[in-house]
Each structure stands twice: as C-alpha cells, then as structure tokens.
Amino acid sequence: MTVLNAVEEAQGGKLRAFLVVLAAIVVQVAVANRLPLPGNVTPDLVLLTVVALALFNGEMVGMVAGFCAGLATDIVPPADHALGMYALVYTLVGYACGLVSDEMERSQSLPFVAVAIGALLGNLAYAIVGMMLGDPRAAWSVVSRMLPLMVLYDLLASPFVVWAVLRLSRRTERTNTRGGLSVPGYASLGRQNR
C-alpha cells in the first residue's frame, strides 16, 4: 500500500508542476507581456516559476519543468526568436537552481535570494545564447541597457511567483487538521494551531 501511495504522490507532483508551469505561461502571455512598463521589458514569470519549482523540488524537476516551459515559451506567440533558446536556458537554470534545493530550509529569505540569482542567470544566459546565435536584440548595447530592468522586474515579481508556486506545489500539503499550511523555511501560513 505504501508503494502505491508513493507512486500516486509522485504522479500528483508531476501534474501539479505541469499545471503551475501552464498557469505561468498563460499569465505571462495574457497579462505580463501586455504591461506598459518602462524600458519596454516585462518580468519573466515563466523563468521565475521554473526557478521556484527547481529550488523547492530539486534538479530533476527543475530540468524537466525548465525544458517543457522553455519549449512551450518558444512556441507560444510572440515567438520571434530561434526555436529552442528558451528551452536551453530554462533547462540549464532549472538544473542549476535545483542543485541548491537542499539549502532552502535554512532561512526565510534564502529562497528569494536564490530566485533573484536564478533570474539574473536566466536573463544573462538568454542574452549570451542570443549573442551566439546572432540575434540583433542581443547586442551588448541593448543587453546592458535592458538586463538591469529585466532583473529588477523579476525581483519585484518574485515574491508573488514564489508564493504562488509554494501554494500550488506539493510543498504546501496540509500538515494538520486545523487548516494551517506548513512550508519549509517559512512560518506557518493560514490559521495557527492553538
């Protein structure tokens, strides 16, 4: 019976990760890409989702979620770049962030710092891959002007994305009967046990 429960839990975790990535892509295309933000850049909610999933679930989930999210981002309009660029970048970032997933329970601020570093690395990696492929939007003059804004917007969006990923992923399973949610590294969310 315990083997069946473990298999069902693993399948449920994969489904939840898929749904979280799907929701991030929909919100990115329908909302974030349409925001009239200064600098003509938007936060990369899909990258932040991949980073958060990897940080809380490990490198394998990070790689798979990164590849699937990247491939979907490569295909979903407006796809005006070489096919596979996001898949490559998100896979590498998902793996790198997943390597430090065991450290996430040490402090409350560490996940947000790790997400910020993951966002910086992801945006930088995308610019480097674009430069290698000859994308005119990845010229150093453009990247040096837009990268700080992209990282800033990602930092501002990261608490909301990390919270949503934690709420929707397996890390927020109920741990008591009174309705509180226990998230490693965070205080109990919801009603407190008394």
Protein backbone atom coordinates (compact mmCIF):
# COMPACT_ATOMS: atom_id res chain seq x y z
CA MET A 1 0.00 0.00 0.00
CA THR A 2 2.82 2.45 0.75
CA VAL A 3 4.39 1.86 -2.68
CA LEU A 4 1.10 2.75 -4.36
CA ASN A 5 0.81 5.90 -2.24
CA ALA A 6 4.34 6.91 -3.21
CA VAL A 7 3.59 6.38 -6.91
CA GLU A 8 0.33 8.34 -6.67
CA GLU A 9 2.11 11.16 -4.83
CA ALA A 10 4.85 11.30 -7.48
CA GLN A 11 2.26 11.45 -10.27
CA GLY A 12 0.36 14.17 -8.41
CA GLY A 13 3.58 16.18 -8.01
CA LYS A 14 4.27 15.98 -11.75
CA LEU A 15 0.73 17.05 -12.54
CA ARG A 16 0.95 19.97 -10.11
CA ALA A 17 4.29 21.08 -11.60
CA PHE A 18 2.77 20.89 -15.10
CA LEU A 19 -0.23 22.94 -14.02
CA VAL A 20 1.96 25.54 -12.32
CA VAL A 21 4.07 25.94 -15.47
CA LEU A 22 0.95 26.10 -17.65
CA ALA A 23 -0.55 28.78 -15.42
CA ALA A 24 2.69 30.78 -15.56
CA ILE A 25 2.73 30.66 -19.36
CA VAL A 26 -0.89 31.77 -19.59
CA VAL A 27 -0.34 34.66 -17.16
CA GLN A 28 2.88 35.63 -18.96
CA VAL A 29 1.21 35.79 -22.38
CA ALA A 30 -2.16 37.20 -21.29
CA VAL A 31 -1.06 39.68 -18.62
CA ALA A 32 2.67 40.28 -18.15
CA ASN A 33 3.56 40.72 -21.82
CA ARG A 34 0.90 43.42 -22.10
CA LEU A 35 2.03 45.52 -19.14
CA PRO A 36 3.17 49.00 -20.21
CA LEU A 37 6.31 49.03 -18.06
CA PRO A 38 9.18 51.48 -18.53
CA GLY A 39 12.01 50.19 -20.67
CA ASN A 40 9.71 48.06 -22.83
CA VAL A 41 10.55 44.89 -20.86
CA THR A 42 8.40 42.67 -18.66
CA PRO A 43 9.06 40.28 -15.80
CA ASP A 44 9.70 36.71 -16.93
CA LEU A 45 7.13 34.85 -14.85
CA VAL A 46 7.87 31.54 -16.55
CA LEU A 47 11.57 31.78 -15.65
CA LEU A 48 10.67 32.64 -12.06
CA THR A 49 8.29 29.66 -11.94
CA VAL A 50 10.97 27.29 -13.22
CA VAL A 51 13.45 28.64 -10.68
CA ALA A 52 10.96 28.29 -7.81
CA LEU A 53 9.98 24.74 -8.84
CA ALA A 54 13.63 23.75 -9.05
CA LEU A 55 14.51 25.31 -5.70
CA PHE A 56 11.73 23.51 -3.87
CA ASN A 57 11.70 20.19 -5.76
CA GLY A 58 15.27 19.50 -6.93
CA GLU A 59 17.30 19.45 -10.09
CA MET A 60 15.35 16.76 -11.96
CA VAL A 61 12.05 18.63 -11.61
CA GLY A 62 13.92 21.86 -12.45
CA MET A 63 15.35 20.42 -15.66
CA VAL A 64 12.12 18.83 -16.85
CA ALA A 65 10.00 21.85 -15.92
CA GLY A 66 12.60 24.13 -17.50
CA PHE A 67 12.66 22.20 -20.75
CA CYS A 68 8.87 21.91 -21.01
CA ALA A 69 8.30 25.55 -20.04
CA GLY A 70 11.05 26.71 -22.39
CA LEU A 71 9.75 24.71 -25.33
CA ALA A 72 6.23 26.00 -24.73
CA THR A 73 7.56 29.56 -24.47
CA ASP A 74 9.49 29.05 -27.70
CA ILE A 75 6.28 28.04 -29.49
CA VAL A 76 3.70 30.36 -27.91
CA PRO A 77 3.28 33.69 -29.73
CA PRO A 78 5.04 36.05 -29.92
CA ALA A 79 7.76 33.55 -30.86
CA ASP A 80 10.18 35.85 -32.64
CA HIS A 81 13.42 34.03 -31.83
CA ALA A 82 15.20 30.79 -32.70
CA LEU A 83 13.27 27.71 -31.59
CA GLY A 84 14.88 26.15 -28.54
CA MET A 85 16.52 29.22 -26.99
CA TYR A 86 14.19 29.36 -24.01
CA ALA A 87 14.21 25.55 -23.71
CA LEU A 88 18.00 25.56 -23.41
CA VAL A 89 18.17 28.47 -20.98
CA TYR A 90 15.31 27.32 -18.75
CA THR A 91 16.70 23.76 -18.64
CA LEU A 92 20.13 24.98 -17.54
CA VAL A 93 18.71 27.41 -14.99
CA GLY A 94 16.30 24.78 -13.65
CA TYR A 95 19.14 22.34 -13.17
CA ALA A 96 21.46 24.90 -11.56
CA CYS A 97 18.79 26.10 -9.14
CA GLY A 98 17.77 22.54 -8.35
CA LEU A 99 21.30 21.78 -7.20
CA VAL A 100 20.85 24.13 -4.23
CA SER A 101 17.34 22.94 -3.35
CA ASP A 102 18.56 21.19 -0.18
CA GLU A 103 19.65 24.55 1.25
CA MET A 104 16.22 26.22 1.01
CA GLU A 105 15.10 25.28 4.51
CA ARG A 106 17.90 27.20 6.24
CA SER A 107 16.35 30.67 6.25
CA GLN A 108 13.24 32.54 5.23
CA SER A 109 14.98 34.93 2.85
CA LEU A 110 17.21 32.38 1.10
CA PRO A 111 14.53 31.28 -1.42
CA PHE A 112 14.01 34.87 -2.56
CA VAL A 113 17.76 35.48 -2.86
CA ALA A 114 18.11 32.25 -4.83
CA VAL A 115 15.23 33.24 -7.11
CA ALA A 116 16.87 36.63 -7.72
CA ILE A 117 20.16 34.96 -8.63
CA GLY A 118 18.31 32.46 -10.84
CA ALA A 119 16.52 35.33 -12.61
CA LEU A 120 19.80 37.13 -13.20
CA LEU A 121 21.47 33.99 -14.52
CA GLY A 122 18.49 33.15 -16.73
CA ASN A 123 18.32 36.60 -18.32
CA LEU A 124 22.08 36.68 -18.77
CA ALA A 125 22.14 33.19 -20.28
CA TYR A 126 19.36 34.12 -22.70
CA ALA A 127 21.34 37.20 -23.79
CA ILE A 128 24.52 35.15 -24.25
CA VAL A 129 22.71 32.49 -26.30
CA GLY A 130 21.12 35.26 -28.37
CA MET A 131 24.54 36.83 -28.99
CA MET A 132 25.95 33.44 -30.04
CA LEU A 133 23.08 32.95 -32.50
CA GLY A 134 23.38 36.48 -33.89
CA ASP A 135 20.09 37.86 -32.56
CA PRO A 136 20.23 41.65 -33.15
CA ARG A 137 18.24 42.23 -29.93
CA ALA A 138 21.07 40.56 -28.01
CA ALA A 139 23.73 43.12 -28.92
CA TRP A 140 25.74 44.22 -25.90
CA SER A 141 24.43 47.78 -26.09
CA VAL A 142 20.84 46.54 -25.87
CA VAL A 143 21.57 43.89 -23.23
CA SER A 144 23.49 46.26 -20.96
CA ARG A 145 20.56 48.67 -21.02
CA MET A 146 17.73 46.13 -20.62
CA LEU A 147 19.25 43.49 -18.33
CA PRO A 148 19.12 45.60 -15.14
CA LEU A 149 15.45 46.43 -15.79
CA MET A 150 14.60 42.80 -16.53
CA VAL A 151 16.24 41.64 -13.32
CA LEU A 152 14.55 44.44 -11.35
CA TYR A 153 11.11 43.48 -12.68
CA ASP A 154 11.85 39.81 -11.96
CA LEU A 155 12.85 40.73 -8.40
CA LEU A 156 9.65 42.68 -7.90
CA ALA A 157 7.54 39.80 -9.23
CA SER A 158 9.47 37.03 -7.45
CA PRO A 159 7.70 37.14 -4.05
CA PHE A 160 4.34 36.69 -5.75
CA VAL A 161 5.56 33.91 -8.05
CA VAL A 162 7.38 32.05 -5.26
CA TRP A 163 4.30 32.31 -3.04
CA ALA A 164 2.06 31.02 -5.84
CA VAL A 165 4.41 28.13 -6.64
CA LEU A 166 4.59 27.20 -2.97
CA ARG A 167 0.81 27.34 -2.65
CA LEU A 168 0.26 25.26 -5.77
CA SER A 169 3.11 22.78 -5.47
CA ARG A 170 3.41 19.79 -3.20
CA ARG A 171 5.27 21.78 -0.56
CA THR A 172 2.02 23.18 0.78
CA GLU A 173 0.27 19.97 1.64
CA ARG A 174 -1.79 20.24 4.76
CA THR A 175 0.12 19.15 7.81
CA ASN A 176 -2.56 19.47 10.44
CA THR A 177 -6.29 19.19 10.76
CA ARG A 178 -6.99 22.82 11.62
CA GLY A 179 -6.15 24.22 8.18
CA GLY A 180 -2.66 25.67 8.61
CA LEU A 181 -0.11 25.23 5.86
CA SER A 182 3.49 24.42 6.67
CA VAL A 183 6.11 25.46 4.15
CA PRO A 184 9.74 24.57 4.90
CA GLY A 185 11.70 27.69 5.71
CA TYR A 186 8.58 29.74 6.29
CA ALA A 187 6.30 30.38 9.19
CA SER A 188 3.05 28.51 9.21
CA LEU A 189 0.67 30.01 6.68
CA GLY A 190 -3.03 30.17 7.34
CA ARG A 191 -4.61 29.62 10.74
CA GLN A 192 -2.23 28.94 13.58
CA ASN A 193 -2.58 25.88 15.79
CA ARG A 194 -3.57 26.82 19.30
